[in-house]
Protein backbone atom coordinates (compact mmCIF):
# COMPACT_ATOMS: atom_id res chain seq x y z
CA MET A 1 -1.39 7.95 -8.83
CA ILE A 2 1.14 5.86 -10.77
CA PHE A 3 4.83 6.82 -10.62
CA LEU A 4 7.10 5.62 -13.40
CA LYS A 5 10.67 5.12 -12.20
CA THR A 6 13.87 6.40 -13.80
CA GLU A 7 16.80 4.03 -14.44
CA ASP A 8 18.57 5.37 -11.33
CA GLU A 9 15.48 4.78 -9.20
CA ILE A 10 15.13 1.24 -10.57
CA GLU A 11 18.71 0.51 -9.51
CA LEU A 12 17.91 1.70 -5.98
CA LEU A 13 14.86 -0.53 -5.98
CA ARG A 14 17.03 -3.39 -7.17
CA GLN A 15 19.41 -2.93 -4.21
CA SER A 16 16.58 -3.09 -1.70
CA ASN A 17 15.05 -6.12 -3.44
CA LEU A 18 18.35 -8.03 -3.60
CA LEU A 19 18.65 -7.52 0.13
CA VAL A 20 15.24 -9.16 0.50
CA GLY A 21 16.51 -12.13 -1.52
CA ARG A 22 19.58 -12.42 0.68
CA THR A 23 17.42 -12.15 3.82
CA LEU A 24 15.17 -14.94 2.60
CA ALA A 25 18.30 -17.03 1.98
CA GLU A 26 19.25 -16.57 5.64
CA VAL A 27 15.75 -17.75 6.53
CA ALA A 28 16.15 -20.72 4.19
CA LYS A 29 19.17 -21.90 6.23
CA LEU A 30 16.92 -22.19 9.31
CA VAL A 31 13.69 -23.70 7.93
CA LYS A 32 13.46 -27.21 9.41
CA PRO A 33 11.27 -29.14 11.84
CA GLY A 34 11.47 -27.79 15.41
CA VAL A 35 12.15 -24.16 14.53
CA THR A 36 9.63 -21.47 15.47
CA THR A 37 8.46 -18.75 13.10
CA LYS A 38 9.59 -16.23 15.75
CA GLU A 39 13.17 -17.51 15.35
CA LEU A 40 12.99 -16.95 11.59
CA ASP A 41 11.79 -13.41 12.18
CA LYS A 42 14.55 -12.57 14.65
CA VAL A 43 17.29 -13.65 12.22
CA ALA A 44 15.65 -11.74 9.34
CA GLU A 45 15.31 -8.49 11.28
CA GLU A 46 18.93 -8.62 12.47
CA PHE A 47 20.17 -9.33 8.92
CA ILE A 48 18.12 -6.47 7.40
CA ARG A 49 19.28 -3.92 10.02
CA ASP A 50 22.91 -5.12 9.81
CA HIS A 51 22.81 -4.23 6.13
CA GLY A 52 21.68 -0.64 6.67
CA ALA A 53 17.97 -1.18 5.94
CA VAL A 54 14.79 -1.34 7.96
CA PRO A 55 12.05 -3.99 7.74
CA THR A 56 9.05 -2.29 6.08
CA PHE A 57 6.48 -4.69 7.49
CA LYS A 58 7.22 -3.90 11.10
CA GLY A 59 4.70 -1.32 12.32
CA PHE A 60 2.76 -1.30 9.06
CA PRO A 61 -0.93 -0.70 9.96
CA ASN A 62 -3.81 -2.94 8.96
CA GLN A 63 -7.33 -1.75 8.15
CA TYR A 64 -7.99 -1.22 11.87
CA GLY A 65 -4.80 0.79 12.40
CA ASP A 66 -3.11 -2.01 14.34
CA PRO A 67 0.65 -2.13 13.60
CA PHE A 68 2.15 -5.38 12.28
CA PRO A 69 4.36 -6.66 15.11
CA ALA A 70 7.12 -8.41 13.16
CA SER A 71 9.54 -8.11 10.26
CA LEU A 72 8.37 -11.13 8.29
CA CYS A 73 4.99 -12.56 7.39
CA THR A 74 5.17 -16.30 8.05
CA SER A 75 2.12 -18.18 6.81
CA VAL A 76 2.00 -21.92 7.57
CA ASN A 77 0.01 -24.51 5.63
CA GLU A 78 -3.56 -23.18 5.26
CA GLN A 79 -2.46 -19.64 6.08
CA VAL A 80 -2.35 -17.72 2.79
CA VAL A 81 -0.62 -14.44 3.77
CA HIS A 82 0.14 -12.10 6.66
CA GLY A 83 0.77 -14.78 9.27
CA ILE A 84 2.36 -13.33 12.40
CA PRO A 85 5.64 -14.96 13.59
CA GLY A 86 5.34 -16.45 17.00
CA ASP A 87 5.63 -19.71 18.95
CA ILE A 88 4.35 -21.86 16.09
CA VAL A 89 6.81 -24.77 15.76
CA LEU A 90 7.39 -25.94 12.20
CA LYS A 91 6.79 -29.64 11.72
CA ASP A 92 7.94 -32.17 9.15
CA GLY A 93 5.57 -31.95 6.18
CA ASP A 94 4.59 -28.30 6.75
CA ILE A 95 4.98 -25.51 4.23
CA VAL A 96 5.65 -21.91 5.20
CA SER A 97 5.33 -18.81 3.03
CA VAL A 98 7.85 -16.20 4.10
CA ASP A 99 7.16 -12.66 2.86
CA CYS A 100 9.83 -10.03 3.46
CA GLY A 101 10.05 -6.29 2.89
CA THR A 102 12.95 -3.85 3.23
CA TYR A 103 13.43 -0.09 2.99
CA MET A 104 16.84 1.17 1.97
CA ASN A 105 18.13 4.28 0.22
CA GLY A 106 14.57 5.61 0.00
CA PHE A 107 13.09 2.60 -1.85
CA CYS A 108 11.29 -0.62 -0.91
CA GLY A 109 11.98 -4.26 -1.57
CA ASP A 110 9.31 -6.97 -1.44
CA SER A 111 9.48 -10.67 -2.25
CA ALA A 112 8.12 -13.97 -0.94
CA TYR A 113 8.97 -17.65 -1.16
CA THR A 114 7.13 -20.73 0.09
CA PHE A 115 9.44 -23.26 1.78
CA CYS A 116 9.01 -26.96 2.41
CA VAL A 117 9.70 -28.15 5.97
CA GLY A 118 11.32 -31.56 5.84
CA GLU A 119 9.55 -34.10 3.65
CA VAL A 120 6.39 -32.62 2.13
CA ASP A 121 3.55 -34.52 0.46
CA GLU A 122 3.93 -34.61 -3.32
CA GLU A 123 0.51 -33.07 -3.91
CA VAL A 124 1.49 -30.09 -1.81
CA ARG A 125 4.85 -29.78 -3.56
CA GLN A 126 2.95 -29.68 -6.85
CA LEU A 127 0.91 -26.73 -5.56
CA LEU A 128 4.13 -24.88 -4.78
CA LYS A 129 5.63 -25.75 -8.17
CA VAL A 130 2.60 -24.49 -10.13
CA THR A 131 2.35 -21.32 -8.04
CA LYS A 132 6.02 -20.50 -8.66
CA GLU A 133 5.61 -21.26 -12.38
CA ALA A 134 2.54 -19.01 -12.46
CA LEU A 135 4.60 -16.12 -11.04
CA TYR A 136 7.01 -16.33 -13.97
CA ILE A 137 4.15 -16.69 -16.46
CA GLY A 138 2.73 -13.46 -15.02
CA ILE A 139 6.10 -11.78 -15.28
CA GLN A 140 6.34 -12.74 -18.99
CA ASN A 141 3.27 -10.56 -19.50
CA ALA A 142 4.67 -7.54 -17.66
CA VAL A 143 5.89 -5.76 -20.77
CA GLN A 144 5.25 -2.32 -22.25
CA GLY A 145 2.03 -2.17 -24.26
CA LYS A 146 0.20 -4.93 -22.40
CA ARG A 147 -2.24 -4.29 -19.54
CA ILE A 148 -2.55 -5.31 -15.92
CA GLY A 149 -5.35 -7.72 -16.89
CA ASP A 150 -2.92 -9.66 -19.11
CA ILE A 151 -0.79 -10.48 -16.10
CA GLY A 152 -3.75 -11.66 -13.98
CA TYR A 153 -5.31 -13.57 -16.87
CA ALA A 154 -2.13 -15.53 -17.47
CA ILE A 155 -1.72 -16.46 -13.79
CA GLN A 156 -5.39 -17.35 -13.40
CA GLN A 157 -5.55 -19.54 -16.47
CA TYR A 158 -2.44 -21.49 -15.58
CA CYS A 159 -3.45 -22.13 -11.97
CA GLU A 160 -7.08 -22.95 -12.70
CA SER A 161 -5.95 -25.36 -15.44
CA HIS A 162 -4.39 -27.33 -12.56
CA SER A 163 -7.67 -27.09 -10.57
CA TYR A 164 -6.28 -24.69 -7.97
CA GLY A 165 -8.07 -21.65 -6.51
CA VAL A 166 -6.90 -18.09 -7.16
CA VAL A 167 -7.35 -15.74 -4.18
CA ARG A 168 -9.27 -12.60 -5.15
CA GLU A 169 -9.25 -10.56 -1.96
CA PHE A 170 -5.49 -9.92 -1.88
CA VAL A 171 -3.41 -8.75 -4.82
CA GLY A 172 -0.03 -7.53 -5.98
CA HIS A 173 0.77 -3.83 -6.11
CA GLY A 174 2.91 -1.02 -7.39
CA ILE A 175 6.09 -0.40 -5.40
CA GLY A 176 8.67 2.33 -5.07
CA LYS A 177 9.27 4.86 -2.28
CA ASP A 178 6.16 3.35 -0.68
CA MET A 179 5.63 -0.39 -0.24
CA HIS A 180 2.13 -0.20 -1.67
CA GLU A 181 1.63 2.11 -4.64
CA ASP A 182 -0.81 2.13 -7.58
CA PRO A 183 -1.76 0.10 -9.49
CA GLN A 184 -3.20 -2.99 -7.88
CA VAL A 185 -2.03 -6.20 -9.62
CA PRO A 186 -4.66 -8.96 -9.29
CA ASN A 187 -3.85 -12.61 -9.98
CA TYR A 188 -7.00 -12.90 -12.12
CA GLY A 189 -8.37 -10.79 -14.93
CA LYS A 190 -9.20 -10.27 -18.57
CA ARG A 191 -6.75 -9.89 -21.42
CA GLY A 192 -6.56 -6.34 -22.72
CA TYR A 193 -8.16 -4.77 -19.63
CA GLY A 194 -6.79 -2.63 -16.85
CA THR A 195 -3.93 -0.17 -16.53
CA LEU A 196 -1.63 0.15 -19.54
CA LEU A 197 1.86 -1.10 -18.74
CA LYS A 198 4.62 1.39 -19.47
CA LYS A 199 8.42 1.15 -19.22
CA GLY A 200 9.49 2.20 -15.74
CA LEU A 201 6.40 0.93 -13.94
CA CYS A 202 7.53 -1.15 -10.95
CA ILE A 203 5.16 -3.70 -9.50
CA ALA A 204 5.14 -6.66 -7.12
CA ILE A 205 3.51 -9.71 -8.68
CA GLU A 206 2.51 -12.31 -6.09
CA PRO A 207 0.26 -15.26 -6.89
CA MET A 208 -1.62 -16.54 -3.83
CA ILE A 209 -2.96 -19.93 -4.84
CA THR A 210 -5.02 -22.46 -2.90
CA GLN A 211 -5.08 -26.24 -3.11
CA GLY A 212 -8.86 -26.26 -2.80
CA ASP A 213 -11.57 -23.58 -2.72
CA ARG A 214 -10.36 -20.02 -3.34
CA GLN A 215 -12.40 -18.58 -0.44
CA VAL A 216 -10.42 -17.13 2.47
CA ILE A 217 -11.07 -16.03 6.04
CA MET A 218 -9.43 -13.39 8.18
CA GLU A 219 -8.38 -14.71 11.60
CA ARG A 220 -9.27 -12.84 14.78
CA ASP A 221 -5.77 -11.32 15.02
CA GLY A 222 -6.78 -8.93 12.19
CA TRP A 223 -3.84 -10.02 10.04
CA THR A 224 -3.62 -13.72 9.27
CA VAL A 225 -5.56 -14.85 6.19
CA ARG A 226 -6.30 -18.58 5.81
CA THR A 227 -8.22 -20.78 3.41
CA ARG A 228 -11.82 -21.41 4.39
CA ASP A 229 -11.52 -25.15 3.74
CA ARG A 230 -8.18 -25.30 5.58
CA LYS A 231 -6.38 -26.77 2.57
CA CYS A 232 -2.86 -25.53 1.87
CA ALA A 233 -1.99 -22.29 0.09
CA ALA A 234 1.20 -21.19 -1.64
CA HIS A 235 2.63 -17.70 -2.23
CA PHE A 236 5.56 -16.57 -4.37
CA GLU A 237 6.42 -12.90 -5.13
CA HIS A 238 8.86 -10.92 -7.20
CA THR A 239 9.26 -7.17 -7.64
CA ILE A 240 9.75 -6.28 -11.30
CA ALA A 241 10.20 -3.28 -13.56
CA VAL A 242 8.13 -3.29 -16.74
CA GLY A 243 10.41 -3.31 -19.78
CA ALA A 244 10.02 -2.72 -23.53
CA GLY A 245 10.89 -6.31 -24.48
CA GLU A 246 10.78 -8.19 -21.21
CA ALA A 247 10.38 -7.46 -17.54
CA ASP A 248 13.40 -6.76 -15.35
CA ILE A 249 13.15 -8.90 -12.21
CA LEU A 250 14.56 -6.78 -9.38
CA SER A 251 14.25 -9.33 -6.58
CA SER A 252 15.93 -12.74 -6.72
CA PHE A 253 15.40 -16.35 -5.68
CA LYS A 254 19.03 -17.20 -6.60
CA PHE A 255 20.37 -16.80 -3.05
CA ILE A 256 17.52 -18.92 -1.63
CA GLU A 257 18.02 -21.69 -4.15
CA GLU A 258 21.78 -21.79 -3.59
CA VAL A 259 20.94 -22.62 0.05
CA LEU A 260 18.21 -25.12 -0.78
CA GLY A 261 20.11 -26.90 -3.55
CA ASP A 262 18.21 -29.89 -4.94
CA LYS A 263 15.47 -29.33 -2.37
CA ALA A 264 14.35 -26.10 -4.11
CA ILE A 265 10.92 -26.09 -5.72
């Protein structure tokens, strides 16, 4: 069932999503060679709880009913999504997708950003740049009167025009009082197909794009998804509210990019 949000509910969603942006900015301050993904997670959880929210990812069950053990998803290099923070030490030249969720005032926030660790190969930086651009191209199509397929089509066409793979098995989603609501929001599709977009629909759009083949594999931990060919993957995500003329972006990369400065993608 799809729940359209009122203006008051959208403002509550915005508060939770802006906290995600600020949390990711705290993470951005720490991303450098020698840091473990567990350290990133510790700082994020403390920041979220200190601001009166709870991390929505922690304890969230997978398809086997196993609870996610951390507050962030940290996916390094060939890991696409749902990487578990741990003793992995970030190295110069790595990339790390950091996905964060919060629950505050009855509503969820959800956003992701892929960071460069030190000096990253230009071909990999280009993957990140195109993936981030594809997110905003998708958002441009999140307007009343269009359909879900228009969002996915725009993202797919842009990424495939750069010879990148578009992951099919994992998609964006509706968001509100629950982190995952209807409808699903694929990063591929046909123009004019799928759920009709109406003002007040709130969705998380999140391109998951691969440098090589689009095929992915689930690791034995039941969470981590990586590329089959072990080439890099990038992931950027915003939560938005569908508008009459343009989408209202409820999350923000502004805080992250203030920290990164000229190193931002």
